[in-house]
């Protein structure tokens, strides 16, 4: 393990990292955020995200995983006192053994791959970073190609979002955009290039049930703000709207749960289409 710097007090460097936890503007200016947990840090490294610094607990025996990480990731390493690791890890019981300071990628819609089977999610003005992370996790698990977070919204790189994504943030492109204009320019360019993306909004008064819509076509799924739903602008830009049938006493679903339900229906339809195609006489020769 290469020689590491040591920090045992709340010096200026520590305070810079601490500010990344609760100050979005400082995260954005620094272009970096903190990551904890074996799976998230491992995925960040595997997916090639630049790790600017690895902080580790200099007062404990490190695990095999931590030692291997420090041995193989060529970056600055800082040994810290356990209580400082506890603060940066936002834990009340035991400090994390490693925290990664990871570089943010550019908010470039070109990071989201668009193919003939495109499936993307747009989250309109989310207020909960936990919901952002949950949607990233579901979108990753159910085969989506990217997430767009639109408008004045909670931050993709908020610690709550990063934690609730359980590492999927590093596998699924998540791009922040200020307004619908940037998204529509990107969509129209893809349409002109031969991928007929349809914009499908979730709405309790949708034109049809989610089960009756054809999600086998290239789709950008629009999910509204947790309280107000989709803005009037996004409603007007939707090609179609769908609703999720509900039979209980609940009047609506949590935004992340609603997105997950529609994503599941989408993947169900697409798997069914592939099975049908593989079982057709022409595919069997």
C-alpha atoms as a PDB file:
ATOM      1  CA  UNK A   1       0.000   0.000   0.000  1.00  0.00           C
ATOM      2  CA  UNK A   2       1.513   3.383  -0.988  1.00  0.00           C
ATOM      3  CA  UNK A   3       2.249   5.947   1.710  1.00  0.00           C
ATOM      4  CA  UNK A   4      -0.823   7.974   2.627  1.00  0.00           C
ATOM      5  CA  UNK A   5      -1.346  11.390   4.103  1.00  0.00           C
ATOM      6  CA  UNK A   6      -2.867  11.477   7.572  1.00  0.00           C
ATOM      7  CA  UNK A   7      -5.658  13.725   8.839  1.00  0.00           C
ATOM      8  CA  UNK A   8      -6.585  13.603  12.508  1.00  0.00           C
ATOM      9  CA  UNK A   9      -8.281  16.995  12.965  1.00  0.00           C
ATOM     10  CA  UNK A  10     -11.100  18.934  11.316  1.00  0.00           C
ATOM     11  CA  UNK A  11      -8.697  20.890   9.154  1.00  0.00           C
ATOM     12  CA  UNK A  12      -9.544  22.804   5.960  1.00  0.00           C
ATOM     13  CA  UNK A  13      -9.290  19.708   3.777  1.00  0.00           C
ATOM     14  CA  UNK A  14     -11.685  17.783   6.015  1.00  0.00           C
ATOM     15  CA  UNK A  15     -14.119  20.690   5.950  1.00  0.00           C
ATOM     16  CA  UNK A  16     -14.077  20.704   2.146  1.00  0.00           C
ATOM     17  CA  UNK A  17     -15.146  17.055   2.091  1.00  0.00           C
ATOM     18  CA  UNK A  18     -17.695  17.627   4.826  1.00  0.00           C
ATOM     19  CA  UNK A  19     -19.253  20.412   2.739  1.00  0.00           C
ATOM     20  CA  UNK A  20     -19.860  17.922  -0.085  1.00  0.00           C
ATOM     21  CA  UNK A  21     -22.429  16.167   2.098  1.00  0.00           C
ATOM     22  CA  UNK A  22     -24.899  18.981   2.529  1.00  0.00           C
ATOM     23  CA  UNK A  23     -24.018  21.746   0.093  1.00  0.00           C
ATOM     24  CA  UNK A  24     -25.082  21.162  -3.488  1.00  0.00           C
ATOM     25  CA  UNK A  25     -23.364  24.306  -4.779  1.00  0.00           C
ATOM     26  CA  UNK A  26     -20.039  23.232  -3.292  1.00  0.00           C
ATOM     27  CA  UNK A  27     -20.444  19.744  -4.788  1.00  0.00           C
ATOM     28  CA  UNK A  28     -21.097  21.289  -8.174  1.00  0.00           C
ATOM     29  CA  UNK A  29     -18.194  23.738  -7.949  1.00  0.00           C
ATOM     30  CA  UNK A  30     -15.809  21.010  -6.808  1.00  0.00           C
ATOM     31  CA  UNK A  31     -17.191  18.561  -9.370  1.00  0.00           C
ATOM     32  CA  UNK A  32     -17.037  15.721  -6.865  1.00  0.00           C
ATOM     33  CA  UNK A  33     -19.111  13.826  -4.301  1.00  0.00           C
ATOM     34  CA  UNK A  34     -18.643  11.238  -1.551  1.00  0.00           C
ATOM     35  CA  UNK A  35     -19.401   7.526  -1.907  1.00  0.00           C
ATOM     36  CA  UNK A  36     -19.552   4.919   0.853  1.00  0.00           C
ATOM     37  CA  UNK A  37     -20.216   1.186   0.836  1.00  0.00           C
ATOM     38  CA  UNK A  38     -18.472  -1.812  -0.690  1.00  0.00           C
ATOM     39  CA  UNK A  39     -20.837  -2.250  -3.634  1.00  0.00           C
ATOM     40  CA  UNK A  40     -21.133   1.434  -4.661  1.00  0.00           C
ATOM     41  CA  UNK A  41     -17.379   2.064  -4.446  1.00  0.00           C
ATOM     42  CA  UNK A  42     -16.602  -1.195  -6.261  1.00  0.00           C
ATOM     43  CA  UNK A  43     -19.057  -0.341  -9.059  1.00  0.00           C
ATOM     44  CA  UNK A  44     -17.673   3.184  -9.382  1.00  0.00           C
ATOM     45  CA  UNK A  45     -14.204   1.716  -9.910  1.00  0.00           C
ATOM     46  CA  UNK A  46     -15.404  -1.058 -12.243  1.00  0.00           C
ATOM     47  CA  UNK A  47     -17.367   1.407 -14.384  1.00  0.00           C
ATOM     48  CA  UNK A  48     -14.370   3.703 -14.726  1.00  0.00           C
ATOM     49  CA  UNK A  49     -15.556   6.694 -12.704  1.00  0.00           C
ATOM     50  CA  UNK A  50     -12.510   8.800 -11.747  1.00  0.00           C
ATOM     51  CA  UNK A  51     -11.735   8.467  -8.027  1.00  0.00           C
ATOM     52  CA  UNK A  52      -9.976  11.608  -6.871  1.00  0.00           C
ATOM     53  CA  UNK A  53      -9.214  10.498  -3.315  1.00  0.00           C
ATOM     54  CA  UNK A  54      -9.661   7.393  -1.181  1.00  0.00           C
ATOM     55  CA  UNK A  55     -10.173   8.151   2.499  1.00  0.00           C
ATOM     56  CA  UNK A  56      -9.693   5.251   4.894  1.00  0.00           C
ATOM     57  CA  UNK A  57      -9.856   4.622   8.613  1.00  0.00           C
ATOM     58  CA  UNK A  58      -6.285   4.768   9.828  1.00  0.00           C
ATOM     59  CA  UNK A  59      -7.186   3.456  13.276  1.00  0.00           C
ATOM     60  CA  UNK A  60      -8.526   0.009  12.412  1.00  0.00           C
ATOM     61  CA  UNK A  61      -7.503  -3.200  10.687  1.00  0.00           C
ATOM     62  CA  UNK A  62      -8.817  -2.930   7.150  1.00  0.00           C
ATOM     63  CA  UNK A  63     -10.683  -5.708   5.364  1.00  0.00           C
ATOM     64  CA  UNK A  64      -9.232  -7.620   2.434  1.00  0.00           C
ATOM     65  CA  UNK A  65     -11.526  -5.645   0.109  1.00  0.00           C
ATOM     66  CA  UNK A  66     -10.304  -2.288   1.444  1.00  0.00           C
ATOM     67  CA  UNK A  67      -6.654  -3.282   1.228  1.00  0.00           C
ATOM     68  CA  UNK A  68      -7.086  -4.472  -2.359  1.00  0.00           C
ATOM     69  CA  UNK A  69      -8.893  -1.242  -3.273  1.00  0.00           C
ATOM     70  CA  UNK A  70      -6.079   0.870  -1.850  1.00  0.00           C
ATOM     71  CA  UNK A  71      -3.515  -1.313  -3.597  1.00  0.00           C
ATOM     72  CA  UNK A  72      -5.096  -1.220  -7.057  1.00  0.00           C
ATOM     73  CA  UNK A  73      -6.731   2.210  -7.411  1.00  0.00           C
ATOM     74  CA  UNK A  74      -4.039   4.713  -8.319  1.00  0.00           C
ATOM     75  CA  UNK A  75      -5.159   7.919  -6.630  1.00  0.00           C
ATOM     76  CA  UNK A  76      -4.499  10.063  -3.580  1.00  0.00           C
ATOM     77  CA  UNK A  77      -4.958   8.181  -0.306  1.00  0.00           C
ATOM     78  CA  UNK A  78      -5.677   9.762   3.062  1.00  0.00           C
ATOM     79  CA  UNK A  79      -5.694   7.957   6.421  1.00  0.00           C
ATOM     80  CA  UNK A  80      -8.195   9.561   8.771  1.00  0.00           C
ATOM     81  CA  UNK A  81      -9.161   9.294  12.399  1.00  0.00           C
ATOM     82  CA  UNK A  82     -12.187   7.069  13.045  1.00  0.00           C
ATOM     83  CA  UNK A  83     -14.347   9.887  14.383  1.00  0.00           C
ATOM     84  CA  UNK A  84     -13.739  11.929  11.242  1.00  0.00           C
ATOM     85  CA  UNK A  85     -14.669   8.951   9.049  1.00  0.00           C
ATOM     86  CA  UNK A  86     -17.829   8.607  11.130  1.00  0.00           C
ATOM     87  CA  UNK A  87     -18.780  12.214  10.371  1.00  0.00           C
ATOM     88  CA  UNK A  88     -18.130  11.934   6.643  1.00  0.00           C
ATOM     89  CA  UNK A  89     -19.932   8.597   6.483  1.00  0.00           C
ATOM     90  CA  UNK A  90     -22.952  10.076   8.311  1.00  0.00           C
ATOM     91  CA  UNK A  91     -23.094   6.972  10.479  1.00  0.00           C
ATOM     92  CA  UNK A  92     -24.045   6.796  14.155  1.00  0.00           C
ATOM     93  CA  UNK A  93     -22.773   3.291  14.934  1.00  0.00           C
ATOM     94  CA  UNK A  94     -19.513   2.460  13.174  1.00  0.00           C
ATOM     95  CA  UNK A  95     -17.384   4.504  10.779  1.00  0.00           C
ATOM     96  CA  UNK A  96     -17.002   3.281   7.183  1.00  0.00           C
ATOM     97  CA  UNK A  97     -13.572   1.859   6.519  1.00  0.00           C
ATOM     98  CA  UNK A  98     -13.301   3.591   3.133  1.00  0.00           C
ATOM     99  CA  UNK A  99     -14.914   6.668   1.549  1.00  0.00           C
ATOM    100  CA  UNK A 100     -14.307   7.501  -2.095  1.00  0.00           C
ATOM    101  CA  UNK A 101     -14.254  11.071  -3.387  1.00  0.00           C
ATOM    102  CA  UNK A 102     -15.556  10.577  -6.925  1.00  0.00           C
ATOM    103  CA  UNK A 103     -15.557  12.980  -9.864  1.00  0.00           C
ATOM    104  CA  UNK A 104     -18.926  13.968 -11.336  1.00  0.00           C
ATOM    105  CA  UNK A 105     -19.427  13.334 -15.044  1.00  0.00           C
ATOM    106  CA  UNK A 106     -20.685  16.093 -17.320  1.00  0.00           C
ATOM    107  CA  UNK A 107     -24.442  16.642 -17.521  1.00  0.00           C
ATOM    108  CA  UNK A 108     -24.457  15.614 -21.166  1.00  0.00           C
ATOM    109  CA  UNK A 109     -27.496  13.859 -22.653  1.00  0.00           C
ATOM    110  CA  UNK A 110     -25.085  12.213 -25.075  1.00  0.00           C
ATOM    111  CA  UNK A 111     -24.068   9.942 -22.170  1.00  0.00           C
ATOM    112  CA  UNK A 112     -27.422   8.155 -22.561  1.00  0.00           C
ATOM    113  CA  UNK A 113     -27.235   5.534 -25.332  1.00  0.00           C
ATOM    114  CA  UNK A 114     -30.167   5.498 -27.751  1.00  0.00           C
ATOM    115  CA  UNK A 115     -30.851   2.350 -29.766  1.00  0.00           C
ATOM    116  CA  UNK A 116     -33.933   0.886 -31.418  1.00  0.00           C
ATOM    117  CA  UNK A 117     -34.985  -0.603 -28.061  1.00  0.00           C
ATOM    118  CA  UNK A 118     -34.450   2.666 -26.170  1.00  0.00           C
ATOM    119  CA  UNK A 119     -36.026   3.004 -22.737  1.00  0.00           C
ATOM    120  CA  UNK A 120     -35.381   6.128 -20.700  1.00  0.00           C
ATOM    121  CA  UNK A 121     -36.933   7.792 -17.659  1.00  0.00           C
ATOM    122  CA  UNK A 122     -37.406  11.508 -17.070  1.00  0.00           C
ATOM    123  CA  UNK A 123     -38.129  12.662 -13.514  1.00  0.00           C
ATOM    124  CA  UNK A 124     -39.744  16.108 -13.490  1.00  0.00           C
ATOM    125  CA  UNK A 125     -38.627  18.355 -10.588  1.00  0.00           C
ATOM    126  CA  UNK A 126     -38.208  15.647  -7.920  1.00  0.00           C
ATOM    127  CA  UNK A 127     -38.014  16.983  -4.376  1.00  0.00           C
ATOM    128  CA  UNK A 128     -36.683  13.827  -2.689  1.00  0.00           C
ATOM    129  CA  UNK A 129     -33.096  12.706  -3.365  1.00  0.00           C
ATOM    130  CA  UNK A 130     -34.077   9.294  -2.000  1.00  0.00           C
ATOM    131  CA  UNK A 131     -36.672   8.954  -4.760  1.00  0.00           C
ATOM    132  CA  UNK A 132     -34.062   9.839  -7.373  1.00  0.00           C
ATOM    133  CA  UNK A 133     -31.799   7.066  -6.115  1.00  0.00           C
ATOM    134  CA  UNK A 134     -34.694   4.599  -5.969  1.00  0.00           C
ATOM    135  CA  UNK A 135     -35.690   5.335  -9.570  1.00  0.00           C
ATOM    136  CA  UNK A 136     -32.071   4.957 -10.699  1.00  0.00           C
ATOM    137  CA  UNK A 137     -31.979   1.563  -8.979  1.00  0.00           C
ATOM    138  CA  UNK A 138     -35.248   0.397 -10.578  1.00  0.00           C
ATOM    139  CA  UNK A 139     -34.313   1.756 -14.004  1.00  0.00           C
ATOM    140  CA  UNK A 140     -30.983  -0.070 -13.856  1.00  0.00           C
ATOM    141  CA  UNK A 141     -32.593  -3.318 -12.699  1.00  0.00           C
ATOM    142  CA  UNK A 142     -35.316  -3.205 -15.358  1.00  0.00           C
ATOM    143  CA  UNK A 143     -33.158  -2.466 -18.365  1.00  0.00           C
ATOM    144  CA  UNK A 144     -33.524   1.279 -18.906  1.00  0.00           C
ATOM    145  CA  UNK A 145     -30.706   3.130 -20.617  1.00  0.00           C
ATOM    146  CA  UNK A 146     -30.681   6.361 -18.635  1.00  0.00           C
ATOM    147  CA  UNK A 147     -32.394   8.821 -16.313  1.00  0.00           C
ATOM    148  CA  UNK A 148     -32.982  12.524 -16.928  1.00  0.00           C
ATOM    149  CA  UNK A 149     -33.649  14.747 -13.911  1.00  0.00           C
ATOM    150  CA  UNK A 150     -35.365  17.881 -15.188  1.00  0.00           C
ATOM    151  CA  UNK A 151     -35.918  21.344 -13.784  1.00  0.00           C
ATOM    152  CA  UNK A 152     -35.370  22.730 -10.303  1.00  0.00           C
ATOM    153  CA  UNK A 153     -34.909  19.460  -8.456  1.00  0.00           C
ATOM    154  CA  UNK A 154     -33.166  17.524  -5.728  1.00  0.00           C
ATOM    155  CA  UNK A 155     -29.628  16.521  -6.622  1.00  0.00           C
ATOM    156  CA  UNK A 156     -28.581  13.240  -8.212  1.00  0.00           C
ATOM    157  CA  UNK A 157     -25.339  13.438  -6.198  1.00  0.00           C
ATOM    158  CA  UNK A 158     -26.933  14.151  -2.833  1.00  0.00           C
ATOM    159  CA  UNK A 159     -25.701  11.493  -0.336  1.00  0.00           C
ATOM    160  CA  UNK A 160     -29.281  10.193   0.085  1.00  0.00           C
ATOM    161  CA  UNK A 161     -29.638   9.704  -3.663  1.00  0.00           C
ATOM    162  CA  UNK A 162     -26.236   8.023  -3.949  1.00  0.00           C
ATOM    163  CA  UNK A 163     -27.026   5.658  -1.057  1.00  0.00           C
ATOM    164  CA  UNK A 164     -30.530   4.744  -2.217  1.00  0.00           C
ATOM    165  CA  UNK A 165     -29.261   3.907  -5.703  1.00  0.00           C
ATOM    166  CA  UNK A 166     -27.137   1.151  -4.052  1.00  0.00           C
ATOM    167  CA  UNK A 167     -24.458   1.572  -6.716  1.00  0.00           C
ATOM    168  CA  UNK A 168     -26.726   1.731  -9.770  1.00  0.00           C
ATOM    169  CA  UNK A 169     -25.796   5.405 -10.189  1.00  0.00           C
ATOM    170  CA  UNK A 170     -22.470   4.168 -11.559  1.00  0.00           C
ATOM    171  CA  UNK A 171     -24.068   1.802 -14.089  1.00  0.00           C
ATOM    172  CA  UNK A 172     -26.938   3.950 -15.377  1.00  0.00           C
ATOM    173  CA  UNK A 173     -26.298   7.407 -16.866  1.00  0.00           C
ATOM    174  CA  UNK A 174     -28.179  10.070 -14.869  1.00  0.00           C
ATOM    175  CA  UNK A 175     -28.180  13.534 -16.404  1.00  0.00           C
ATOM    176  CA  UNK A 176     -29.465  16.803 -14.939  1.00  0.00           C
ATOM    177  CA  UNK A 177     -31.095  19.302 -17.328  1.00  0.00           C
ATOM    178  CA  UNK A 178     -32.529  22.742 -16.508  1.00  0.00           C
ATOM    179  CA  UNK A 179     -35.605  22.731 -18.748  1.00  0.00           C
ATOM    180  CA  UNK A 180     -37.642  20.798 -21.347  1.00  0.00           C
ATOM    181  CA  UNK A 181     -35.922  22.633 -24.219  1.00  0.00           C
ATOM    182  CA  UNK A 182     -32.654  20.686 -23.897  1.00  0.00           C
ATOM    183  CA  UNK A 183     -34.497  17.373 -23.698  1.00  0.00           C
ATOM    184  CA  UNK A 184     -36.707  18.045 -26.709  1.00  0.00           C
ATOM    185  CA  UNK A 185     -33.740  19.108 -28.819  1.00  0.00           C
ATOM    186  CA  UNK A 186     -32.067  15.811 -27.918  1.00  0.00           C
ATOM    187  CA  UNK A 187     -35.260  13.798 -28.592  1.00  0.00           C
ATOM    188  CA  UNK A 188     -35.855  15.469 -31.961  1.00  0.00           C
ATOM    189  CA  UNK A 189     -32.266  14.793 -33.008  1.00  0.00           C
ATOM    190  CA  UNK A 190     -32.729  11.090 -32.180  1.00  0.00           C
ATOM    191  CA  UNK A 191     -36.016  10.994 -34.043  1.00  0.00           C
ATOM    192  CA  UNK A 192     -34.346  12.579 -37.065  1.00  0.00           C
ATOM    193  CA  UNK A 193     -31.649   9.923 -36.800  1.00  0.00           C
ATOM    194  CA  UNK A 194     -34.216   7.156 -37.164  1.00  0.00           C
ATOM    195  CA  UNK A 195     -35.246   6.324 -33.581  1.00  0.00           C
ATOM    196  CA  UNK A 196     -38.937   7.291 -33.166  1.00  0.00           C
ATOM    197  CA  UNK A 197     -38.904   7.985 -29.411  1.00  0.00           C
ATOM    198  CA  UNK A 198     -42.359   8.450 -27.886  1.00  0.00           C
ATOM    199  CA  UNK A 199     -42.859  10.486 -24.728  1.00  0.00           C
ATOM    200  CA  UNK A 200     -45.199   8.694 -22.327  1.00  0.00           C
ATOM    201  CA  UNK A 201     -46.349  10.441 -19.160  1.00  0.00           C
ATOM    202  CA  UNK A 202     -47.698   8.760 -16.030  1.00  0.00           C
ATOM    203  CA  UNK A 203     -50.964  10.342 -14.893  1.00  0.00           C
ATOM    204  CA  UNK A 204     -53.892   9.174 -12.788  1.00  0.00           C
ATOM    205  CA  UNK A 205     -56.147  10.376 -15.614  1.00  0.00           C
ATOM    206  CA  UNK A 206     -54.088   8.802 -18.400  1.00  0.00           C
ATOM    207  CA  UNK A 207     -55.665   8.030 -21.754  1.00  0.00           C
ATOM    208  CA  UNK A 208     -55.273   4.297 -21.132  1.00  0.00           C
ATOM    209  CA  UNK A 209     -54.154   1.802 -18.505  1.00  0.00           C
ATOM    210  CA  UNK A 210     -50.468   1.024 -18.482  1.00  0.00           C
ATOM    211  CA  UNK A 211     -51.256  -2.560 -19.575  1.00  0.00           C
ATOM    212  CA  UNK A 212     -52.947  -1.347 -22.756  1.00  0.00           C
ATOM    213  CA  UNK A 213     -50.105   0.784 -24.051  1.00  0.00           C
ATOM    214  CA  UNK A 214     -47.436  -0.563 -26.422  1.00  0.00           C
ATOM    215  CA  UNK A 215     -44.144  -0.119 -24.591  1.00  0.00           C
ATOM    216  CA  UNK A 216     -42.174  -2.181 -27.100  1.00  0.00           C
ATOM    217  CA  UNK A 217     -41.449   0.999 -29.090  1.00  0.00           C
ATOM    218  CA  UNK A 218     -38.592   3.384 -28.146  1.00  0.00           C
ATOM    219  CA  UNK A 219     -39.906   5.126 -25.036  1.00  0.00           C
ATOM    220  CA  UNK A 220     -39.058   8.014 -22.751  1.00  0.00           C
ATOM    221  CA  UNK A 221     -41.179   7.576 -19.618  1.00  0.00           C
ATOM    222  CA  UNK A 222     -42.080  10.846 -17.851  1.00  0.00           C
ATOM    223  CA  UNK A 223     -42.608  10.737 -14.086  1.00  0.00           C
ATOM    224  CA  UNK A 224     -43.984  13.791 -12.299  1.00  0.00           C
ATOM    225  CA  UNK A 225     -43.031  15.640  -9.155  1.00  0.00           C
ATOM    226  CA  UNK A 226     -44.011  13.797  -5.963  1.00  0.00           C
ATOM    227  CA  UNK A 227     -46.649  16.390  -5.003  1.00  0.00           C
ATOM    228  CA  UNK A 228     -47.747  18.186  -8.165  1.00  0.00           C
ATOM    229  CA  UNK A 229     -47.197  15.526 -10.839  1.00  0.00           C
ATOM    230  CA  UNK A 230     -46.029  16.517 -14.307  1.00  0.00           C
ATOM    231  CA  UNK A 231     -45.800  20.204 -15.103  1.00  0.00           C
ATOM    232  CA  UNK A 232     -48.170  21.622 -17.705  1.00  0.00           C
ATOM    233  CA  UNK A 233     -45.232  21.973 -20.088  1.00  0.00           C
ATOM    234  CA  UNK A 234     -44.323  18.308 -19.861  1.00  0.00           C
ATOM    235  CA  UNK A 235     -47.967  17.263 -20.095  1.00  0.00           C
ATOM    236  CA  UNK A 236     -48.220  19.194 -23.336  1.00  0.00           C
ATOM    237  CA  UNK A 237     -45.103  17.509 -24.709  1.00  0.00           C
ATOM    238  CA  UNK A 238     -46.328  13.967 -23.953  1.00  0.00           C
ATOM    239  CA  UNK A 239     -47.327  11.900 -26.973  1.00  0.00           C
ATOM    240  CA  UNK A 240     -49.395   9.670 -24.675  1.00  0.00           C
ATOM    241  CA  UNK A 241     -50.313   9.361 -21.004  1.00  0.00           C
ATOM    242  CA  UNK A 242     -50.916   6.146 -19.065  1.00  0.00           C
ATOM    243  CA  UNK A 243     -52.396   5.385 -15.672  1.00  0.00           C
ATOM    244  CA  UNK A 244     -51.732   2.600 -13.182  1.00  0.00           C
ATOM    245  CA  UNK A 245     -54.969   0.873 -12.111  1.00  0.00           C
ATOM    246  CA  UNK A 246     -55.348   0.828  -8.324  1.00  0.00           C
ATOM    247  CA  UNK A 247     -57.940  -1.038  -6.302  1.00  0.00           C
ATOM    248  CA  UNK A 248     -57.127  -0.132  -2.705  1.00  0.00           C
ATOM    249  CA  UNK A 249     -57.863   3.008  -0.736  1.00  0.00           C
ATOM    250  CA  UNK A 250     -54.589   4.744  -1.669  1.00  0.00           C
ATOM    251  CA  UNK A 251     -55.137   7.671  -4.007  1.00  0.00           C
ATOM    252  CA  UNK A 252     -51.703   7.490  -5.603  1.00  0.00           C
ATOM    253  CA  UNK A 253     -48.321   5.784  -5.581  1.00  0.00           C
ATOM    254  CA  UNK A 254     -44.971   7.158  -4.502  1.00  0.00           C
ATOM    255  CA  UNK A 255     -43.183   8.507  -7.598  1.00  0.00           C
ATOM    256  CA  UNK A 256     -40.432   5.882  -7.425  1.00  0.00           C
ATOM    257  CA  UNK A 257     -42.974   3.082  -6.975  1.00  0.00           C
ATOM    258  CA  UNK A 258     -45.059   4.343  -9.902  1.00  0.00           C
ATOM    259  CA  UNK A 259     -41.987   4.475 -12.133  1.00  0.00           C
ATOM    260  CA  UNK A 260     -41.014   0.959 -11.076  1.00  0.00           C
ATOM    261  CA  UNK A 261     -44.497  -0.382 -11.881  1.00  0.00           C
ATOM    262  CA  UNK A 262     -44.442   1.098 -15.387  1.00  0.00           C
ATOM    263  CA  UNK A 263     -40.855  -0.019 -16.010  1.00  0.00           C
ATOM    264  CA  UNK A 264     -41.814  -3.548 -14.979  1.00  0.00           C
ATOM    265  CA  UNK A 265     -44.748  -3.555 -17.411  1.00  0.00           C
ATOM    266  CA  UNK A 266     -42.406  -2.283 -20.124  1.00  0.00           C
ATOM    267  CA  UNK A 267     -39.860  -5.030 -19.598  1.00  0.00           C
ATOM    268  CA  UNK A 268     -42.664  -7.631 -19.375  1.00  0.00           C
ATOM    269  CA  UNK A 269     -43.943  -6.565 -22.781  1.00  0.00           C
ATOM    270  CA  UNK A 270     -40.490  -6.509 -24.336  1.00  0.00           C
ATOM    271  CA  UNK A 271     -39.559  -9.945 -23.001  1.00  0.00           C
ATOM    272  CA  UNK A 272     -42.872 -11.265 -24.313  1.00  0.00           C
ATOM    273  CA  UNK A 273     -42.200  -9.756 -27.726  1.00  0.00           C
ATOM    274  CA  UNK A 274     -38.747 -11.361 -27.886  1.00  0.00           C
ATOM    275  CA  UNK A 275     -40.128 -14.743 -26.857  1.00  0.00           C
ATOM    276  CA  UNK A 276     -42.858 -14.486 -29.468  1.00  0.00           C
ATOM    277  CA  UNK A 277     -40.314 -13.579 -32.131  1.00  0.00           C
ATOM    278  CA  UNK A 278     -37.984 -16.438 -31.171  1.00  0.00           C
ATOM    279  CA  UNK A 279     -40.851 -18.935 -31.295  1.00  0.00           C
ATOM    280  CA  UNK A 280     -42.177 -17.823 -34.679  1.00  0.00           C
ATOM    281  CA  UNK A 281     -41.828 -20.257 -37.622  1.00  0.00           C
ATOM    282  CA  UNK A 282     -39.482 -17.888 -39.457  1.00  0.00           C
ATOM    283  CA  UNK A 283     -37.068 -17.739 -36.485  1.00  0.00           C
ATOM    284  CA  UNK A 284     -36.966 -21.558 -36.340  1.00  0.00           C
ATOM    285  CA  UNK A 285     -36.090 -21.735 -40.000  1.00  0.00           C
END
